[in-house]
N, C-alpha and C. Protein backbone atom coordinates (compact mmCIF):
# COMPACT_ATOMS: atom_id res chain seq x y z
N MET A 1 0.84 -30.69 -11.19
CA MET A 1 0.61 -29.29 -11.46
C MET A 1 1.70 -28.81 -12.44
N PRO A 2 1.29 -28.12 -13.51
CA PRO A 2 2.28 -27.61 -14.46
C PRO A 2 3.19 -26.56 -13.81
N PRO A 3 4.43 -26.46 -14.28
CA PRO A 3 5.38 -25.51 -13.67
C PRO A 3 4.88 -24.06 -13.68
N ALA A 4 4.16 -23.65 -14.73
CA ALA A 4 3.66 -22.28 -14.78
C ALA A 4 2.63 -22.03 -13.67
N ASP A 5 1.76 -23.02 -13.44
CA ASP A 5 0.76 -22.88 -12.38
C ASP A 5 1.42 -22.86 -11.01
N LEU A 6 2.42 -23.71 -10.82
CA LEU A 6 3.14 -23.72 -9.55
C LEU A 6 3.83 -22.38 -9.30
N ALA A 7 4.44 -21.83 -10.34
CA ALA A 7 5.10 -20.53 -10.20
C ALA A 7 4.09 -19.45 -9.83
N LEU A 8 2.91 -19.49 -10.43
CA LEU A 8 1.87 -18.52 -10.13
C LEU A 8 1.39 -18.65 -8.68
N VAL A 9 1.18 -19.87 -8.23
CA VAL A 9 0.74 -20.10 -6.85
C VAL A 9 1.81 -19.64 -5.87
N LEU A 10 3.06 -19.96 -6.12
CA LEU A 10 4.15 -19.54 -5.23
C LEU A 10 4.30 -18.01 -5.20
N THR A 11 4.14 -17.38 -6.35
CA THR A 11 4.20 -15.92 -6.40
C THR A 11 3.07 -15.31 -5.60
N ALA A 12 1.85 -15.84 -5.76
CA ALA A 12 0.71 -15.33 -5.01
C ALA A 12 0.91 -15.50 -3.51
N LEU A 13 1.43 -16.65 -3.10
CA LEU A 13 1.69 -16.88 -1.67
C LEU A 13 2.78 -15.94 -1.14
N ALA A 14 3.82 -15.72 -1.94
CA ALA A 14 4.88 -14.81 -1.52
C ALA A 14 4.33 -13.39 -1.36
N CYS A 15 3.49 -12.96 -2.30
CA CYS A 15 2.90 -11.62 -2.21
C CYS A 15 2.00 -11.50 -0.98
N LEU A 16 1.21 -12.52 -0.72
CA LEU A 16 0.35 -12.52 0.45
C LEU A 16 1.19 -12.47 1.73
N GLY A 17 2.25 -13.25 1.77
CA GLY A 17 3.13 -13.23 2.94
C GLY A 17 3.77 -11.87 3.15
N LEU A 18 4.23 -11.24 2.08
CA LEU A 18 4.82 -9.92 2.21
C LEU A 18 3.80 -8.89 2.68
N ARG A 19 2.58 -9.00 2.19
CA ARG A 19 1.54 -8.08 2.64
C ARG A 19 1.26 -8.26 4.14
N LEU A 20 1.17 -9.51 4.57
CA LEU A 20 0.91 -9.78 5.99
C LEU A 20 2.04 -9.23 6.87
N VAL A 21 3.28 -9.44 6.44
CA VAL A 21 4.42 -8.91 7.20
C VAL A 21 4.38 -7.39 7.21
N GLY A 22 4.04 -6.79 6.08
CA GLY A 22 3.94 -5.33 6.01
C GLY A 22 2.88 -4.78 6.92
N VAL A 23 1.72 -5.41 6.95
CA VAL A 23 0.64 -4.97 7.84
C VAL A 23 1.06 -5.13 9.29
N TRP A 24 1.70 -6.23 9.60
CA TRP A 24 2.15 -6.48 10.97
C TRP A 24 3.19 -5.43 11.39
N LEU A 25 4.15 -5.15 10.52
CA LEU A 25 5.17 -4.16 10.85
C LEU A 25 4.59 -2.75 10.94
N ALA A 26 3.72 -2.42 10.02
CA ALA A 26 3.16 -1.07 9.99
C ALA A 26 2.24 -0.82 11.17
N GLY A 27 1.67 -1.86 11.74
CA GLY A 27 0.77 -1.68 12.87
C GLY A 27 1.43 -1.05 14.08
N GLY A 28 2.72 -1.24 14.24
CA GLY A 28 3.42 -0.68 15.38
C GLY A 28 4.16 0.62 15.08
N MET A 29 4.01 1.15 13.88
CA MET A 29 4.72 2.36 13.50
C MET A 29 3.77 3.54 13.39
N SER A 30 4.31 4.72 13.62
CA SER A 30 3.52 5.93 13.43
C SER A 30 3.50 6.27 11.95
N THR A 31 2.59 7.13 11.56
CA THR A 31 2.49 7.51 10.15
C THR A 31 3.68 8.35 9.70
N GLU A 32 4.44 8.89 10.63
CA GLU A 32 5.62 9.70 10.29
C GLU A 32 6.89 8.87 10.21
N HIS A 33 6.81 7.59 10.45
CA HIS A 33 8.00 6.74 10.43
C HIS A 33 8.61 6.72 9.03
N PRO A 34 9.94 6.73 8.92
CA PRO A 34 10.59 6.74 7.61
C PRO A 34 10.23 5.53 6.73
N ALA A 35 10.01 4.39 7.32
CA ALA A 35 9.63 3.21 6.53
C ALA A 35 8.25 3.39 5.90
N ILE A 36 7.33 4.00 6.61
CA ILE A 36 6.00 4.26 6.07
C ILE A 36 6.10 5.30 4.96
N ALA A 37 6.92 6.33 5.17
CA ALA A 37 7.11 7.35 4.12
C ALA A 37 7.72 6.72 2.87
N TRP A 38 8.68 5.82 3.06
CA TRP A 38 9.30 5.14 1.92
C TRP A 38 8.29 4.28 1.17
N ALA A 39 7.49 3.52 1.91
CA ALA A 39 6.49 2.65 1.29
C ALA A 39 5.46 3.48 0.53
N THR A 40 5.08 4.62 1.08
CA THR A 40 4.14 5.51 0.41
C THR A 40 4.74 6.05 -0.88
N ALA A 41 5.99 6.45 -0.83
CA ALA A 41 6.66 6.96 -2.02
C ALA A 41 6.78 5.90 -3.11
N VAL A 42 7.11 4.68 -2.72
CA VAL A 42 7.23 3.59 -3.69
C VAL A 42 5.86 3.28 -4.30
N ALA A 43 4.82 3.27 -3.49
CA ALA A 43 3.48 3.00 -4.00
C ALA A 43 3.04 4.08 -4.99
N GLN A 44 3.30 5.34 -4.66
CA GLN A 44 2.92 6.43 -5.55
C GLN A 44 3.72 6.38 -6.85
N ALA A 45 5.00 6.05 -6.77
CA ALA A 45 5.83 5.96 -7.98
C ALA A 45 5.37 4.81 -8.87
N THR A 46 5.00 3.70 -8.26
CA THR A 46 4.52 2.55 -9.03
C THR A 46 3.21 2.90 -9.73
N LEU A 47 2.31 3.54 -9.02
CA LEU A 47 1.04 3.95 -9.62
C LEU A 47 1.27 4.94 -10.76
N ALA A 48 2.17 5.89 -10.55
CA ALA A 48 2.48 6.86 -11.61
C ALA A 48 3.05 6.16 -12.84
N ALA A 49 3.87 5.16 -12.63
CA ALA A 49 4.44 4.41 -13.77
C ALA A 49 3.35 3.66 -14.53
N PHE A 50 2.41 3.05 -13.82
CA PHE A 50 1.33 2.33 -14.49
C PHE A 50 0.43 3.28 -15.27
N VAL A 51 0.12 4.44 -14.69
CA VAL A 51 -0.72 5.43 -15.38
C VAL A 51 0.00 5.93 -16.62
N THR A 52 1.29 6.23 -16.49
CA THR A 52 2.06 6.70 -17.65
C THR A 52 2.09 5.65 -18.75
N LEU A 53 2.29 4.42 -18.38
CA LEU A 53 2.29 3.34 -19.36
C LEU A 53 0.93 3.19 -20.04
N ALA A 54 -0.13 3.32 -19.27
CA ALA A 54 -1.47 3.21 -19.84
C ALA A 54 -1.77 4.37 -20.79
N ILE A 55 -1.21 5.54 -20.53
CA ILE A 55 -1.45 6.69 -21.40
C ILE A 55 -0.58 6.61 -22.65
N ILE A 56 0.70 6.33 -22.49
CA ILE A 56 1.65 6.37 -23.59
C ILE A 56 1.61 5.11 -24.46
N ALA A 57 1.58 3.95 -23.85
CA ALA A 57 1.63 2.69 -24.60
C ALA A 57 0.59 1.72 -24.07
N PRO A 58 -0.69 2.01 -24.31
CA PRO A 58 -1.74 1.16 -23.75
C PRO A 58 -1.82 -0.20 -24.45
N ALA A 59 -2.41 -1.14 -23.76
CA ALA A 59 -2.63 -2.47 -24.32
C ALA A 59 -4.12 -2.79 -24.21
N GLY A 60 -4.55 -3.74 -24.97
CA GLY A 60 -5.93 -4.19 -24.89
C GLY A 60 -6.89 -3.17 -25.48
N ALA A 61 -8.05 -3.03 -24.85
CA ALA A 61 -9.11 -2.16 -25.35
C ALA A 61 -8.68 -0.69 -25.33
N LEU A 62 -7.84 -0.31 -24.40
CA LEU A 62 -7.40 1.08 -24.31
C LEU A 62 -6.54 1.49 -25.49
N ALA A 63 -5.94 0.53 -26.17
CA ALA A 63 -5.11 0.82 -27.34
C ALA A 63 -5.94 1.38 -28.49
N ASP A 64 -7.24 1.11 -28.50
CA ASP A 64 -8.12 1.63 -29.55
C ASP A 64 -8.54 3.07 -29.31
N VAL A 65 -8.28 3.58 -28.12
CA VAL A 65 -8.65 4.96 -27.78
C VAL A 65 -7.53 5.89 -28.24
N PRO A 66 -7.85 6.95 -29.00
CA PRO A 66 -6.80 7.85 -29.47
C PRO A 66 -6.05 8.53 -28.32
N LEU A 67 -4.79 8.86 -28.59
CA LEU A 67 -3.95 9.51 -27.58
C LEU A 67 -4.58 10.80 -27.08
N ALA A 68 -5.18 11.59 -27.98
CA ALA A 68 -5.80 12.85 -27.56
C ALA A 68 -6.91 12.62 -26.54
N ALA A 69 -7.69 11.57 -26.73
CA ALA A 69 -8.78 11.26 -25.79
C ALA A 69 -8.20 10.81 -24.44
N ARG A 70 -7.14 10.01 -24.48
CA ARG A 70 -6.51 9.56 -23.23
C ARG A 70 -5.93 10.75 -22.47
N LEU A 71 -5.27 11.66 -23.18
CA LEU A 71 -4.69 12.84 -22.53
C LEU A 71 -5.76 13.78 -21.99
N ALA A 72 -6.86 13.94 -22.73
CA ALA A 72 -7.96 14.78 -22.24
C ALA A 72 -8.57 14.20 -20.97
N GLY A 73 -8.75 12.89 -20.95
CA GLY A 73 -9.27 12.25 -19.75
C GLY A 73 -8.33 12.40 -18.57
N LEU A 74 -7.04 12.25 -18.83
CA LEU A 74 -6.06 12.44 -17.77
C LEU A 74 -6.08 13.87 -17.24
N GLY A 75 -6.12 14.82 -18.15
CA GLY A 75 -6.15 16.23 -17.73
C GLY A 75 -7.38 16.56 -16.91
N ALA A 76 -8.53 16.08 -17.34
CA ALA A 76 -9.77 16.33 -16.60
C ALA A 76 -9.73 15.66 -15.22
N GLY A 77 -9.25 14.44 -15.18
CA GLY A 77 -9.17 13.73 -13.90
C GLY A 77 -8.21 14.41 -12.93
N VAL A 78 -7.06 14.84 -13.42
CA VAL A 78 -6.10 15.53 -12.56
C VAL A 78 -6.67 16.85 -12.07
N THR A 79 -7.37 17.58 -12.94
CA THR A 79 -7.98 18.85 -12.54
C THR A 79 -8.99 18.65 -11.42
N VAL A 80 -9.87 17.68 -11.58
CA VAL A 80 -10.87 17.40 -10.53
C VAL A 80 -10.17 16.94 -9.25
N CYS A 81 -9.13 16.14 -9.39
CA CYS A 81 -8.40 15.65 -8.21
C CYS A 81 -7.76 16.81 -7.45
N LEU A 82 -7.18 17.76 -8.17
CA LEU A 82 -6.55 18.90 -7.51
C LEU A 82 -7.57 19.83 -6.86
N MET A 83 -8.77 19.88 -7.43
CA MET A 83 -9.82 20.72 -6.85
C MET A 83 -10.43 20.07 -5.61
N ASN A 84 -10.46 18.74 -5.57
CA ASN A 84 -11.10 18.03 -4.47
C ASN A 84 -10.17 16.92 -4.01
N ARG A 85 -9.29 17.19 -3.09
CA ARG A 85 -8.25 16.24 -2.69
C ARG A 85 -8.77 15.09 -1.83
N ARG A 86 -9.96 15.17 -1.33
CA ARG A 86 -10.42 14.15 -0.40
C ARG A 86 -10.99 12.92 -1.10
N TRP A 87 -11.55 13.08 -2.28
CA TRP A 87 -12.24 11.98 -2.93
C TRP A 87 -11.65 11.76 -4.32
N LEU A 88 -11.14 10.57 -4.57
CA LEU A 88 -10.57 10.25 -5.87
C LEU A 88 -11.60 9.73 -6.87
N LEU A 89 -12.71 9.21 -6.36
CA LEU A 89 -13.72 8.64 -7.25
C LEU A 89 -14.28 9.67 -8.23
N PRO A 90 -14.62 10.90 -7.81
CA PRO A 90 -15.08 11.89 -8.80
C PRO A 90 -14.04 12.18 -9.87
N ALA A 91 -12.77 12.22 -9.50
CA ALA A 91 -11.71 12.46 -10.48
C ALA A 91 -11.63 11.31 -11.47
N LEU A 92 -11.71 10.09 -10.98
CA LEU A 92 -11.67 8.92 -11.84
C LEU A 92 -12.85 8.89 -12.81
N LEU A 93 -14.03 9.14 -12.29
CA LEU A 93 -15.22 9.12 -13.14
C LEU A 93 -15.21 10.25 -14.16
N THR A 94 -14.76 11.44 -13.75
CA THR A 94 -14.67 12.56 -14.67
C THR A 94 -13.69 12.26 -15.80
N GLY A 95 -12.53 11.74 -15.45
CA GLY A 95 -11.54 11.38 -16.46
C GLY A 95 -12.08 10.35 -17.43
N LEU A 96 -12.78 9.37 -16.92
CA LEU A 96 -13.36 8.32 -17.76
C LEU A 96 -14.41 8.88 -18.70
N VAL A 97 -15.29 9.73 -18.18
CA VAL A 97 -16.36 10.31 -19.00
C VAL A 97 -15.75 11.20 -20.10
N VAL A 98 -14.76 12.02 -19.73
CA VAL A 98 -14.13 12.90 -20.72
C VAL A 98 -13.41 12.05 -21.79
N MET A 99 -12.71 11.02 -21.37
CA MET A 99 -12.01 10.17 -22.33
C MET A 99 -12.99 9.51 -23.30
N LEU A 100 -14.09 8.99 -22.78
CA LEU A 100 -15.07 8.33 -23.64
C LEU A 100 -15.77 9.34 -24.55
N GLY A 101 -16.03 10.55 -24.02
CA GLY A 101 -16.63 11.59 -24.85
C GLY A 101 -15.71 12.02 -25.98
N MET A 102 -14.43 12.19 -25.65
CA MET A 102 -13.45 12.56 -26.68
C MET A 102 -13.29 11.43 -27.71
N ARG A 103 -13.36 10.22 -27.25
CA ARG A 103 -13.23 9.08 -28.18
C ARG A 103 -14.38 9.08 -29.17
N ALA A 104 -15.57 9.44 -28.70
CA ALA A 104 -16.72 9.48 -29.59
C ALA A 104 -16.60 10.61 -30.61
N LEU A 105 -15.93 11.69 -30.23
CA LEU A 105 -15.78 12.83 -31.13
C LEU A 105 -14.66 12.64 -32.14
N VAL A 106 -13.62 11.90 -31.73
CA VAL A 106 -12.44 11.75 -32.60
C VAL A 106 -12.60 10.62 -33.58
């Protein structure tokens, strides 16, 4: 097995192991536990960083979409999300439709 493949397999196994340990530990904790609050904060910060990176410095197919279209989609998605906090799918779809519509216009 090439070293790159071995590194990928070991990384995947380590991630799986960490997830299993996390699920096992979280099963005995309440939702108000500080460790759960910390994990939630880290997850939200990581997601915010990925979204920011995708908006500011996109790669791949998203790099062909103008910044104005990406920002319009983000704004529309955030607006729908703030109006309807229970379901993220409508916000995601709205942002995508607005971004694609703006891309067609620009």
